[in-house]
Structures are given as C-alpha cells and as structure tokens.
Amino acid sequence: MLGATVLTTPARLCFIAEKKYENDVMPGAVIDVLQSWRHHVDVLRPNGTVADLWDLLPTDVPRYDAFVLKTVSCGPGLSLLEAAGAAGVTTVNDYRAVRLARDKAVAAVRARAAGIPFPKTWFASRSALLDQIPADSYPLVVKPNNGSSCERVLRMDSPAQLAELDTDNSGDLLAQPYLPNPGYDIKVYNTGEGVFAAVRRSPLHPGLAVAETLIPVTPELRSLALNVGRAFGLDIYGFDVVETARGMVVLDVNDFPSFGMVPEAARRLARTVLRVTQRNPRSGAASDVLPSTDASPLEVSA
C-alpha cells in the first residue's frame, strides 16, 4: 500500500466502553480489526469495574499507548479518559476535544466563535426557565445539554407546550429556533481518512418516509467537516447538519458516532486510532515506526 507505515511494535490500547455498546458495531468492530492486526486491546467498562487510577501514571514502560472512548455523553468514562490525558497518555479523541463536543452548551459557543453556521442557542438549568424565551422565537427545538443518540429532542410550537416537559428529570436543557428544512438530517462523518455523508431520519419528523442512504459529499459539506474538526480538535467525529434556505447549518457534534453506512468504517477508524497513537513520543508504538510500501497486519495508512 503506497504511503503506508508499519508499526514494528504492536500498540497497547485500552477502549473505555459502556455495557450499552457491547453488542453495537462500534466500537466492537474496530477492536476486532486492531486485534486481527496483532495489536493488544483491553476493554475497560467504567460502570462495572473499579479503575486503578495509578495505572495511568507515567512509567518507563506505560501500560497503554492510548485510550479510546466510546461512552454516553454523561457517563463516567469521560472522567477516566480525562484522567489518562492528565497523566500525559494519548487519548482518542483528545480528551479536551471530547469535553468541548460533549457539553452541548460549550459546543454551540465554540462552533459559533469559529464561524461555523449554528442556530441561536439558549441554556436553561431546568425546564421551568424556558418560559423566559420570547414567544416570537417559537417554534423551538428543546434537547438535553448532555444528550446523545437524538434522545429527548422535542419541538415546542408555543410556550403552552412547555408544561408537557418533565420538569423533575429534564436537567440542563438547550433551546434553539426550529429551522424549516426538508424533514431529514444529513449526518456527516470524518473517519480520519475521509469525509462521508448520509441522509438520516430526523427525530423531529419521525413519520416522514426517508430513504436513508449515503449521498455525495459536496464541497460545502467537505469544507464544513474540516472546519468542525479544526474548531474542536477532533480526529474522529460526526455532526448533524440541516439544509436551510440560507445554506447548511450544524445542529450537533459527536466525538464518536456510529458511522452507519460508511464503507469499511472499522478499518478506517482502526488506522486513525493507530495514527493518533503514534503522535505521542512516549508511546512504545510510536518509537518504532518504519516506512514501508508493503501491506501488513500492522500497517497504518499515512
């Protein structure tokens, strides 16, 4: 494979993954690929084990070259990833970038500050405060600040509907003006090896018949994808975008999406994990990298 590099020392990786994802394609398929290439992969389940934080401290031979996170937004896995990052261990994605993306209030301001088209956003610590938003801002889209998988995303057509929200369990919320759109979202993915886009059913239009399929990546989508990656410092990521009369608008950023429909997603992501691991000068895998043009189970596309 032209332009490839070969790791002469197998990487030592730890995937932080919750039970929720044990039977999902991601990250299991990525782990399978890495193990088939003879890399050592452990899985740490933060909800089911006591983690020895001292194992994260630097040593002459660190236990892991990198940690990879695949957990729900508000789960305990992020604390472990940040602990590893604080100890100087490589994390995928970078733990600071993950924090930027997962706190949706922070992500909204980060995107806007970077010039990424993003809807006006209000933050409320509880649903009762949403009645302070001007009535002429409706309809609104209301969602949890730490939500994932499009859960509890609701359209409110008038202030009267706020009474329908679960005021006891809503937690921190975001509200954004509803943007007229074709009735579907576009999911944009960056595997670290390429940008892909797919039409997906919108949680706001569940009854609409939508042909979920890959679509061509237009120059506008590609430019938007690269800008999102730069703004947040992410290597592996996805985001939701909607097409409006004024162009594409980003709705949400995800540090490790499902990569549904992306061809050879597991192999692409595995190679990106290895490339990011190589950046750390203390990594055992990074210290033994030789150029090669031959295919190998330990190869990483450059």
C-alpha atoms as a PDB file:
ATOM      1  CA  MET A   1       0.000   0.000   0.000  1.00  0.00           C
ATOM      2  CA  LEU A   2       1.672   3.187  -1.201  1.00  0.00           C
ATOM      3  CA  GLY A   3       2.434   5.717   1.510  1.00  0.00           C
ATOM      4  CA  ALA A   4       1.804   3.314   4.377  1.00  0.00           C
ATOM      5  CA  THR A   5       3.819   3.000   7.555  1.00  0.00           C
ATOM      6  CA  VAL A   6       4.292  -0.133   9.592  1.00  0.00           C
ATOM      7  CA  LEU A   7       4.325  -0.332  13.382  1.00  0.00           C
ATOM      8  CA  THR A   8       7.110  -2.746  14.272  1.00  0.00           C
ATOM      9  CA  THR A   9       5.822  -2.845  17.863  1.00  0.00           C
ATOM     10  CA  PRO A  10       2.131  -3.644  18.350  1.00  0.00           C
ATOM     11  CA  ALA A  11       0.210  -0.853  20.045  1.00  0.00           C
ATOM     12  CA  ARG A  12      -1.230  -1.331  23.539  1.00  0.00           C
ATOM     13  CA  LEU A  13      -4.697   0.179  23.572  1.00  0.00           C
ATOM     14  CA  CYS A  14      -7.500   0.489  26.095  1.00  0.00           C
ATOM     15  CA  PHE A  15     -11.062   1.104  24.909  1.00  0.00           C
ATOM     16  CA  ILE A  16     -13.326   2.683  27.528  1.00  0.00           C
ATOM     17  CA  ALA A  17     -16.752   1.377  26.551  1.00  0.00           C
ATOM     18  CA  GLU A  18     -20.013   1.076  28.447  1.00  0.00           C
ATOM     19  CA  LYS A  19     -22.215  -2.009  28.529  1.00  0.00           C
ATOM     20  CA  LYS A  20     -24.710  -0.180  26.305  1.00  0.00           C
ATOM     21  CA  TYR A  21     -22.297  -0.543  23.393  1.00  0.00           C
ATOM     22  CA  GLU A  22     -21.119  -4.129  23.961  1.00  0.00           C
ATOM     23  CA  ASN A  23     -23.329  -5.518  21.194  1.00  0.00           C
ATOM     24  CA  ASP A  24     -23.100  -2.497  18.887  1.00  0.00           C
ATOM     25  CA  VAL A  25     -20.936  -2.437  15.784  1.00  0.00           C
ATOM     26  CA  MET A  26     -18.979   0.458  17.251  1.00  0.00           C
ATOM     27  CA  PRO A  27     -16.540   0.138  18.852  1.00  0.00           C
ATOM     28  CA  GLY A  28     -16.513  -3.686  18.730  1.00  0.00           C
ATOM     29  CA  ALA A  29     -15.707  -3.871  15.044  1.00  0.00           C
ATOM     30  CA  VAL A  30     -12.754  -1.501  15.474  1.00  0.00           C
ATOM     31  CA  ILE A  31     -11.419  -3.626  18.326  1.00  0.00           C
ATOM     32  CA  ASP A  32     -11.747  -6.764  16.170  1.00  0.00           C
ATOM     33  CA  VAL A  33      -9.752  -5.150  13.362  1.00  0.00           C
ATOM     34  CA  LEU A  34      -6.991  -3.950  15.684  1.00  0.00           C
ATOM     35  CA  GLN A  35      -6.688  -7.376  17.282  1.00  0.00           C
ATOM     36  CA  SER A  36      -6.566  -9.024  13.852  1.00  0.00           C
ATOM     37  CA  TRP A  37      -3.599  -6.762  13.123  1.00  0.00           C
ATOM     38  CA  ARG A  38      -1.943  -8.136  16.293  1.00  0.00           C
ATOM     39  CA  HIS A  39      -2.364  -5.058  18.456  1.00  0.00           C
ATOM     40  CA  HIS A  40      -3.162  -5.562  22.132  1.00  0.00           C
ATOM     41  CA  VAL A  41      -6.591  -4.194  23.118  1.00  0.00           C
ATOM     42  CA  ASP A  42      -8.222  -4.206  26.557  1.00  0.00           C
ATOM     43  CA  VAL A  43     -11.779  -3.043  27.218  1.00  0.00           C
ATOM     44  CA  LEU A  44     -12.493  -1.054  30.375  1.00  0.00           C
ATOM     45  CA  ARG A  45     -16.175  -0.924  31.336  1.00  0.00           C
ATOM     46  CA  PRO A  46     -16.491   2.090  33.662  1.00  0.00           C
ATOM     47  CA  ASN A  47     -19.900   1.049  35.015  1.00  0.00           C
ATOM     48  CA  GLY A  48     -18.750  -2.419  36.036  1.00  0.00           C
ATOM     49  CA  THR A  49     -15.232  -2.190  37.420  1.00  0.00           C
ATOM     50  CA  VAL A  50     -13.027  -0.264  39.823  1.00  0.00           C
ATOM     51  CA  ALA A  51     -10.325   1.506  37.829  1.00  0.00           C
ATOM     52  CA  ASP A  52      -6.875   1.845  39.408  1.00  0.00           C
ATOM     53  CA  LEU A  53      -6.016   5.443  38.509  1.00  0.00           C
ATOM     54  CA  TRP A  54      -2.361   4.906  39.412  1.00  0.00           C
ATOM     55  CA  ASP A  55      -2.132   2.627  36.361  1.00  0.00           C
ATOM     56  CA  LEU A  56      -2.425   5.818  34.301  1.00  0.00           C
ATOM     57  CA  LEU A  57       0.678   7.460  35.747  1.00  0.00           C
ATOM     58  CA  PRO A  58       3.786   7.703  33.528  1.00  0.00           C
ATOM     59  CA  THR A  59       6.358   4.912  33.790  1.00  0.00           C
ATOM     60  CA  ASP A  60       9.333   3.843  31.709  1.00  0.00           C
ATOM     61  CA  VAL A  61       7.048   1.314  30.035  1.00  0.00           C
ATOM     62  CA  PRO A  62       3.473   2.662  30.187  1.00  0.00           C
ATOM     63  CA  ARG A  63       0.704   0.101  30.428  1.00  0.00           C
ATOM     64  CA  TYR A  64      -1.132   1.618  27.446  1.00  0.00           C
ATOM     65  CA  ASP A  65      -0.080   3.705  24.475  1.00  0.00           C
ATOM     66  CA  ALA A  66      -3.542   5.231  24.103  1.00  0.00           C
ATOM     67  CA  PHE A  67      -7.075   5.241  25.462  1.00  0.00           C
ATOM     68  CA  VAL A  68     -10.137   5.336  23.195  1.00  0.00           C
ATOM     69  CA  LEU A  69     -13.534   6.477  24.486  1.00  0.00           C
ATOM     70  CA  LYS A  70     -16.959   5.207  23.383  1.00  0.00           C
ATOM     71  CA  THR A  71     -19.484   6.043  26.102  1.00  0.00           C
ATOM     72  CA  VAL A  72     -22.670   8.031  26.577  1.00  0.00           C
ATOM     73  CA  SER A  73     -22.226  11.770  26.999  1.00  0.00           C
ATOM     74  CA  CYS A  74     -22.768  11.919  30.753  1.00  0.00           C
ATOM     75  CA  GLY A  75     -21.221   8.574  31.674  1.00  0.00           C
ATOM     76  CA  PRO A  76     -18.207   8.049  33.957  1.00  0.00           C
ATOM     77  CA  GLY A  77     -15.958   7.073  31.058  1.00  0.00           C
ATOM     78  CA  LEU A  78     -15.105  10.684  30.259  1.00  0.00           C
ATOM     79  CA  SER A  79     -13.577  11.151  33.726  1.00  0.00           C
ATOM     80  CA  LEU A  80     -11.297   8.174  33.106  1.00  0.00           C
ATOM     81  CA  LEU A  81     -10.313   9.482  29.681  1.00  0.00           C
ATOM     82  CA  GLU A  82      -9.524  12.884  31.170  1.00  0.00           C
ATOM     83  CA  ALA A  83      -7.506  11.240  33.936  1.00  0.00           C
ATOM     84  CA  ALA A  84      -5.443   9.411  31.312  1.00  0.00           C
ATOM     85  CA  GLY A  85      -4.967  12.640  29.381  1.00  0.00           C
ATOM     86  CA  ALA A  86      -3.936  14.468  32.571  1.00  0.00           C
ATOM     87  CA  ALA A  87      -1.260  11.798  33.068  1.00  0.00           C
ATOM     88  CA  GLY A  88       0.077  12.521  29.576  1.00  0.00           C
ATOM     89  CA  VAL A  89      -1.266   9.391  27.890  1.00  0.00           C
ATOM     90  CA  THR A  90      -2.606   9.753  24.354  1.00  0.00           C
ATOM     91  CA  THR A  91      -6.386   9.748  24.108  1.00  0.00           C
ATOM     92  CA  VAL A  92      -8.570   9.234  21.038  1.00  0.00           C
ATOM     93  CA  ASN A  93     -10.097  11.697  20.581  1.00  0.00           C
ATOM     94  CA  ASP A  94      -8.059  14.211  22.545  1.00  0.00           C
ATOM     95  CA  TYR A  95      -9.767  14.427  25.937  1.00  0.00           C
ATOM     96  CA  ARG A  96     -10.055  18.230  25.742  1.00  0.00           C
ATOM     97  CA  ALA A  97     -11.740  17.989  22.345  1.00  0.00           C
ATOM     98  CA  VAL A  98     -14.187  15.405  23.695  1.00  0.00           C
ATOM     99  CA  ARG A  99     -15.178  17.720  26.529  1.00  0.00           C
ATOM    100  CA  LEU A 100     -15.750  20.575  24.061  1.00  0.00           C
ATOM    101  CA  ALA A 101     -18.080  18.440  21.961  1.00  0.00           C
ATOM    102  CA  ARG A 102     -19.988  16.664  24.729  1.00  0.00           C
ATOM    103  CA  ASP A 103     -21.121  19.710  26.646  1.00  0.00           C
ATOM    104  CA  LYS A 104     -23.577  20.971  24.050  1.00  0.00           C
ATOM    105  CA  ALA A 105     -23.712  24.477  25.501  1.00  0.00           C
ATOM    106  CA  VAL A 106     -19.939  24.745  25.168  1.00  0.00           C
ATOM    107  CA  ALA A 107     -20.069  23.180  21.693  1.00  0.00           C
ATOM    108  CA  ALA A 108     -22.637  25.707  20.489  1.00  0.00           C
ATOM    109  CA  VAL A 109     -20.479  28.667  21.528  1.00  0.00           C
ATOM    110  CA  ARG A 110     -17.298  27.016  20.246  1.00  0.00           C
ATOM    111  CA  ALA A 111     -18.885  26.431  16.841  1.00  0.00           C
ATOM    112  CA  ARG A 112     -20.274  29.938  16.618  1.00  0.00           C
ATOM    113  CA  ALA A 113     -16.958  31.507  17.682  1.00  0.00           C
ATOM    114  CA  ALA A 114     -15.232  29.528  14.921  1.00  0.00           C
ATOM    115  CA  GLY A 115     -17.615  30.876  12.292  1.00  0.00           C
ATOM    116  CA  ILE A 116     -19.467  27.580  11.851  1.00  0.00           C
ATOM    117  CA  PRO A 117     -23.160  28.148  10.999  1.00  0.00           C
ATOM    118  CA  PHE A 118     -25.078  27.182  14.134  1.00  0.00           C
ATOM    119  CA  PRO A 119     -28.566  28.123  15.373  1.00  0.00           C
ATOM    120  CA  LYS A 120     -29.042  30.646  18.159  1.00  0.00           C
ATOM    121  CA  THR A 121     -28.991  28.715  21.419  1.00  0.00           C
ATOM    122  CA  TRP A 122     -30.385  29.279  24.909  1.00  0.00           C
ATOM    123  CA  PHE A 123     -29.249  27.358  28.005  1.00  0.00           C
ATOM    124  CA  ALA A 124     -31.527  26.612  30.961  1.00  0.00           C
ATOM    125  CA  SER A 125     -30.699  24.654  34.096  1.00  0.00           C
ATOM    126  CA  ARG A 126     -34.322  23.425  34.285  1.00  0.00           C
ATOM    127  CA  SER A 127     -37.333  23.400  32.003  1.00  0.00           C
ATOM    128  CA  ALA A 128     -39.306  25.918  34.090  1.00  0.00           C
ATOM    129  CA  LEU A 129     -36.879  28.635  32.986  1.00  0.00           C
ATOM    130  CA  LEU A 130     -37.655  28.170  29.288  1.00  0.00           C
ATOM    131  CA  ASP A 131     -40.731  30.378  29.635  1.00  0.00           C
ATOM    132  CA  GLN A 132     -38.308  33.334  29.671  1.00  0.00           C
ATOM    133  CA  ILE A 133     -37.564  32.827  25.964  1.00  0.00           C
ATOM    134  CA  PRO A 134     -39.531  35.344  23.860  1.00  0.00           C
ATOM    135  CA  ALA A 135     -42.722  33.931  22.383  1.00  0.00           C
ATOM    136  CA  ASP A 136     -41.791  35.155  18.905  1.00  0.00           C
ATOM    137  CA  SER A 137     -38.812  32.723  18.955  1.00  0.00           C
ATOM    138  CA  TYR A 138     -41.149  29.728  18.604  1.00  0.00           C
ATOM    139  CA  PRO A 139     -41.253  27.066  17.342  1.00  0.00           C
ATOM    140  CA  LEU A 140     -38.317  25.846  19.438  1.00  0.00           C
ATOM    141  CA  VAL A 141     -36.306  22.644  19.496  1.00  0.00           C
ATOM    142  CA  VAL A 142     -35.567  21.593  23.084  1.00  0.00           C
ATOM    143  CA  LYS A 143     -32.982  18.936  23.948  1.00  0.00           C
ATOM    144  CA  PRO A 144     -30.816  17.804  26.873  1.00  0.00           C
ATOM    145  CA  ASN A 145     -27.473  19.535  27.218  1.00  0.00           C
ATOM    146  CA  ASN A 146     -25.763  16.155  27.695  1.00  0.00           C
ATOM    147  CA  GLY A 147     -27.989  14.131  25.374  1.00  0.00           C
ATOM    148  CA  SER A 148     -26.928  11.500  22.861  1.00  0.00           C
ATOM    149  CA  SER A 149     -28.460   9.376  20.095  1.00  0.00           C
ATOM    150  CA  CYS A 150     -31.099  12.065  19.390  1.00  0.00           C
ATOM    151  CA  GLU A 151     -32.911  11.143  22.608  1.00  0.00           C
ATOM    152  CA  ARG A 152     -35.497  13.551  24.092  1.00  0.00           C
ATOM    153  CA  VAL A 153     -35.279  16.024  21.203  1.00  0.00           C
ATOM    154  CA  LEU A 154     -38.631  17.824  21.121  1.00  0.00           C
ATOM    155  CA  ARG A 155     -40.326  20.506  19.078  1.00  0.00           C
ATOM    156  CA  MET A 156     -42.285  23.121  21.036  1.00  0.00           C
ATOM    157  CA  ASP A 157     -44.641  25.149  18.833  1.00  0.00           C
ATOM    158  CA  SER A 158     -45.750  27.531  21.585  1.00  0.00           C
ATOM    159  CA  PRO A 159     -44.949  28.398  25.225  1.00  0.00           C
ATOM    160  CA  ALA A 160     -48.065  26.486  26.256  1.00  0.00           C
ATOM    161  CA  GLN A 161     -46.347  23.211  25.335  1.00  0.00           C
ATOM    162  CA  LEU A 162     -43.611  23.742  27.929  1.00  0.00           C
ATOM    163  CA  ALA A 163     -45.951  22.241  30.504  1.00  0.00           C
ATOM    164  CA  GLU A 164     -45.505  18.896  28.717  1.00  0.00           C
ATOM    165  CA  LEU A 165     -41.816  18.720  29.643  1.00  0.00           C
ATOM    166  CA  ASP A 166     -40.733  16.522  32.535  1.00  0.00           C
ATOM    167  CA  THR A 167     -39.717  19.282  34.929  1.00  0.00           C
ATOM    168  CA  ASP A 168     -38.389  16.835  37.536  1.00  0.00           C
ATOM    169  CA  ASN A 169     -35.962  14.979  35.286  1.00  0.00           C
ATOM    170  CA  SER A 170     -35.150  17.365  32.456  1.00  0.00           C
ATOM    171  CA  GLY A 171     -31.818  18.602  33.834  1.00  0.00           C
ATOM    172  CA  ASP A 172     -29.836  21.172  31.865  1.00  0.00           C
ATOM    173  CA  LEU A 173     -31.532  21.967  28.568  1.00  0.00           C
ATOM    174  CA  LEU A 174     -30.780  23.748  25.319  1.00  0.00           C
ATOM    175  CA  ALA A 175     -33.376  25.507  23.205  1.00  0.00           C
ATOM    176  CA  GLN A 176     -32.917  26.574  19.592  1.00  0.00           C
ATOM    177  CA  PRO A 177     -35.272  28.058  16.986  1.00  0.00           C
ATOM    178  CA  TYR A 178     -36.713  25.377  14.713  1.00  0.00           C
ATOM    179  CA  LEU A 179     -35.206  25.786  11.241  1.00  0.00           C
ATOM    180  CA  PRO A 180     -37.502  24.988   8.295  1.00  0.00           C
ATOM    181  CA  ASN A 181     -35.895  22.052   6.459  1.00  0.00           C
ATOM    182  CA  PRO A 182     -36.650  19.149   4.088  1.00  0.00           C
ATOM    183  CA  GLY A 183     -37.681  16.904   7.003  1.00  0.00           C
ATOM    184  CA  TYR A 184     -34.455  14.920   7.270  1.00  0.00           C
ATOM    185  CA  ASP A 185     -30.967  15.429   8.687  1.00  0.00           C
ATOM    186  CA  ILE A 186     -27.651  14.922   6.977  1.00  0.00           C
ATOM    187  CA  LYS A 187     -25.119  13.015   9.040  1.00  0.00           C
ATOM    188  CA  VAL A 188     -21.542  13.941   8.154  1.00  0.00           C
ATOM    189  CA  TYR A 189     -18.746  11.641   9.300  1.00  0.00           C
ATOM    190  CA  ASN A 190     -14.979  12.015   9.339  1.00  0.00           C
ATOM    191  CA  THR A 191     -13.145   8.742   9.975  1.00  0.00           C
ATOM    192  CA  GLY A 192      -9.779  10.466   9.893  1.00  0.00           C
ATOM    193  CA  GLU A 193      -9.303   9.007   6.412  1.00  0.00           C
ATOM    194  CA  GLY A 194     -12.166  10.687   4.621  1.00  0.00           C
ATOM    195  CA  VAL A 195     -15.444  12.556   4.835  1.00  0.00           C
ATOM    196  CA  PHE A 196     -18.782  10.796   4.238  1.00  0.00           C
ATOM    197  CA  ALA A 197     -22.390  11.961   4.328  1.00  0.00           C
ATOM    198  CA  ALA A 198     -25.707  10.179   4.703  1.00  0.00           C
ATOM    199  CA  VAL A 199     -29.364  11.140   4.806  1.00  0.00           C
ATOM    200  CA  ARG A 200     -30.956  10.091   8.090  1.00  0.00           C
ATOM    201  CA  ARG A 201     -34.443  10.339   9.536  1.00  0.00           C
ATOM    202  CA  SER A 202     -34.933  13.376  11.770  1.00  0.00           C
ATOM    203  CA  PRO A 203     -36.159  12.894  15.354  1.00  0.00           C
ATOM    204  CA  LEU A 204     -38.463  15.863  14.711  1.00  0.00           C
ATOM    205  CA  HIS A 205     -40.133  14.169  11.722  1.00  0.00           C
ATOM    206  CA  PRO A 206     -40.443  10.518  12.801  1.00  0.00           C
ATOM    207  CA  GLY A 207     -43.368   9.752  10.498  1.00  0.00           C
ATOM    208  CA  LEU A 208     -41.728  11.016   7.325  1.00  0.00           C
ATOM    209  CA  ALA A 209     -40.650   8.366   4.823  1.00  0.00           C
ATOM    210  CA  VAL A 210     -36.926   8.865   4.295  1.00  0.00           C
ATOM    211  CA  ALA A 211     -34.576   6.778   2.163  1.00  0.00           C
ATOM    212  CA  GLU A 212     -31.540   6.563   4.446  1.00  0.00           C
ATOM    213  CA  THR A 213     -28.537   6.330   2.180  1.00  0.00           C
ATOM    214  CA  LEU A 214     -25.076   7.695   1.514  1.00  0.00           C
ATOM    215  CA  ILE A 215     -25.024  10.883  -0.530  1.00  0.00           C
ATOM    216  CA  PRO A 216     -22.209  12.669  -2.377  1.00  0.00           C
ATOM    217  CA  VAL A 217     -20.053  14.920  -0.240  1.00  0.00           C
ATOM    218  CA  THR A 218     -20.394  18.367  -1.765  1.00  0.00           C
ATOM    219  CA  PRO A 219     -17.593  20.932  -1.499  1.00  0.00           C
ATOM    220  CA  GLU A 220     -19.740  22.799   1.053  1.00  0.00           C
ATOM    221  CA  LEU A 221     -20.113  19.717   3.244  1.00  0.00           C
ATOM    222  CA  ARG A 222     -16.421  18.835   2.964  1.00  0.00           C
ATOM    223  CA  SER A 223     -15.360  22.359   3.917  1.00  0.00           C
ATOM    224  CA  LEU A 224     -17.805  22.324   6.821  1.00  0.00           C
ATOM    225  CA  ALA A 225     -16.472  18.964   8.014  1.00  0.00           C
ATOM    226  CA  LEU A 226     -12.876  20.169   8.014  1.00  0.00           C
ATOM    227  CA  ASN A 227     -13.850  23.382   9.812  1.00  0.00           C
ATOM    228  CA  VAL A 228     -15.666  21.413  12.520  1.00  0.00           C
ATOM    229  CA  GLY A 229     -12.632  19.175  13.018  1.00  0.00           C
ATOM    230  CA  ARG A 230     -10.300  22.152  13.322  1.00  0.00           C
ATOM    231  CA  ALA A 231     -12.604  24.076  15.647  1.00  0.00           C
ATOM    232  CA  PHE A 232     -12.947  21.196  18.105  1.00  0.00           C
ATOM    233  CA  GLY A 233      -9.586  19.463  17.640  1.00  0.00           C
ATOM    234  CA  LEU A 234     -11.237  16.134  16.781  1.00  0.00           C
ATOM    235  CA  ASP A 235      -9.741  13.338  14.681  1.00  0.00           C
ATOM    236  CA  ILE A 236     -12.763  11.003  14.675  1.00  0.00           C
ATOM    237  CA  TYR A 237     -16.157  12.706  14.669  1.00  0.00           C
ATOM    238  CA  GLY A 238     -19.519  13.311  13.110  1.00  0.00           C
ATOM    239  CA  PHE A 239     -22.104  16.050  13.111  1.00  0.00           C
ATOM    240  CA  ASP A 240     -25.718  16.643  12.181  1.00  0.00           C
ATOM    241  CA  VAL A 241     -26.457  19.276   9.590  1.00  0.00           C
ATOM    242  CA  VAL A 242     -29.700  20.534   8.105  1.00  0.00           C
ATOM    243  CA  GLU A 243     -30.167  22.242   4.767  1.00  0.00           C
ATOM    244  CA  THR A 244     -31.986  25.563   5.096  1.00  0.00           C
ATOM    245  CA  ALA A 245     -32.831  28.399   2.729  1.00  0.00           C
ATOM    246  CA  ARG A 246     -29.619  30.108   3.892  1.00  0.00           C
ATOM    247  CA  GLY A 247     -27.400  27.067   3.483  1.00  0.00           C
ATOM    248  CA  MET A 248     -26.148  24.271   5.720  1.00  0.00           C
ATOM    249  CA  VAL A 249     -26.475  24.702   9.485  1.00  0.00           C
ATOM    250  CA  VAL A 250     -24.764  22.419  12.015  1.00  0.00           C
ATOM    251  CA  LEU A 251     -27.056  21.148  14.791  1.00  0.00           C
ATOM    252  CA  ASP A 252     -24.884  18.816  16.856  1.00  0.00           C
ATOM    253  CA  VAL A 253     -21.313  17.484  17.087  1.00  0.00           C
ATOM    254  CA  ASN A 254     -20.458  13.908  18.146  1.00  0.00           C
ATOM    255  CA  ASP A 255     -16.955  12.778  19.095  1.00  0.00           C
ATOM    256  CA  PHE A 256     -17.535   9.073  18.263  1.00  0.00           C
ATOM    257  CA  PRO A 257     -20.731   8.458  16.238  1.00  0.00           C
ATOM    258  CA  SER A 258     -21.951   5.143  14.864  1.00  0.00           C
ATOM    259  CA  PHE A 259     -20.516   5.750  11.360  1.00  0.00           C
ATOM    260  CA  GLY A 260     -23.553   3.977   9.941  1.00  0.00           C
ATOM    261  CA  MET A 261     -23.288   3.214   6.214  1.00  0.00           C
ATOM    262  CA  VAL A 262     -19.666   4.398   5.996  1.00  0.00           C
ATOM    263  CA  PRO A 263     -17.795   1.819   3.867  1.00  0.00           C
ATOM    264  CA  GLU A 264     -15.038  -0.083   5.720  1.00  0.00           C
ATOM    265  CA  ALA A 265     -15.618   2.172   8.722  1.00  0.00           C
ATOM    266  CA  ALA A 266     -13.950  -0.186  11.208  1.00  0.00           C
ATOM    267  CA  ARG A 267     -10.697  -0.434   9.225  1.00  0.00           C
ATOM    268  CA  ARG A 268     -10.629   3.310   8.593  1.00  0.00           C
ATOM    269  CA  LEU A 269     -11.160   4.073  12.275  1.00  0.00           C
ATOM    270  CA  ALA A 270      -8.605   1.475  13.361  1.00  0.00           C
ATOM    271  CA  ARG A 271      -5.967   3.089  11.172  1.00  0.00           C
ATOM    272  CA  THR A 272      -6.826   6.527  12.558  1.00  0.00           C
ATOM    273  CA  VAL A 273      -6.554   5.253  16.145  1.00  0.00           C
ATOM    274  CA  LEU A 274      -3.071   3.967  15.339  1.00  0.00           C
ATOM    275  CA  ARG A 275      -2.033   7.209  13.652  1.00  0.00           C
ATOM    276  CA  VAL A 276      -3.135   9.273  16.634  1.00  0.00           C
ATOM    277  CA  THR A 277      -1.307   6.849  18.950  1.00  0.00           C
ATOM    278  CA  GLN A 278       1.906   7.476  17.018  1.00  0.00           C
ATOM    279  CA  ARG A 279       1.828  11.179  17.873  1.00  0.00           C
ATOM    280  CA  ASN A 280       2.788  10.568  21.498  1.00  0.00           C
ATOM    281  CA  PRO A 281       6.591  10.483  21.747  1.00  0.00           C
ATOM    282  CA  ARG A 282       6.373   8.314  24.890  1.00  0.00           C
ATOM    283  CA  SER A 283       4.333   5.651  23.071  1.00  0.00           C
ATOM    284  CA  GLY A 284       6.124   2.382  22.515  1.00  0.00           C
ATOM    285  CA  ALA A 285       4.297   2.036  19.214  1.00  0.00           C
ATOM    286  CA  ALA A 286       5.437   5.489  18.152  1.00  0.00           C
ATOM    287  CA  SER A 287       9.128   4.856  18.750  1.00  0.00           C
ATOM    288  CA  ASP A 288       9.383   2.032  16.237  1.00  0.00           C
ATOM    289  CA  VAL A 289       7.851   3.331  13.020  1.00  0.00           C
ATOM    290  CA  LEU A 290       9.483   2.434   9.724  1.00  0.00           C
ATOM    291  CA  PRO A 291       8.390   3.474   6.215  1.00  0.00           C
ATOM    292  CA  SER A 292       7.067   0.675   4.052  1.00  0.00           C
ATOM    293  CA  THR A 293       5.102   0.120   0.865  1.00  0.00           C
ATOM    294  CA  ASP A 294       4.122  -3.446   1.726  1.00  0.00           C
ATOM    295  CA  ALA A 295       0.715  -4.384   3.119  1.00  0.00           C
ATOM    296  CA  SER A 296       0.887  -5.709   6.669  1.00  0.00           C
ATOM    297  CA  PRO A 297      -1.475  -6.524   9.553  1.00  0.00           C
ATOM    298  CA  LEU A 298       0.295  -3.734  11.450  1.00  0.00           C
ATOM    299  CA  GLU A 299       0.064  -1.141   8.717  1.00  0.00           C
ATOM    300  CA  VAL A 300      -1.326   2.336   9.090  1.00  0.00           C
ATOM    301  CA  SER A 301      -2.304   4.423   6.079  1.00  0.00           C
ATOM    302  CA  ALA A 302      -0.443   7.684   6.029  1.00  0.00           C
END
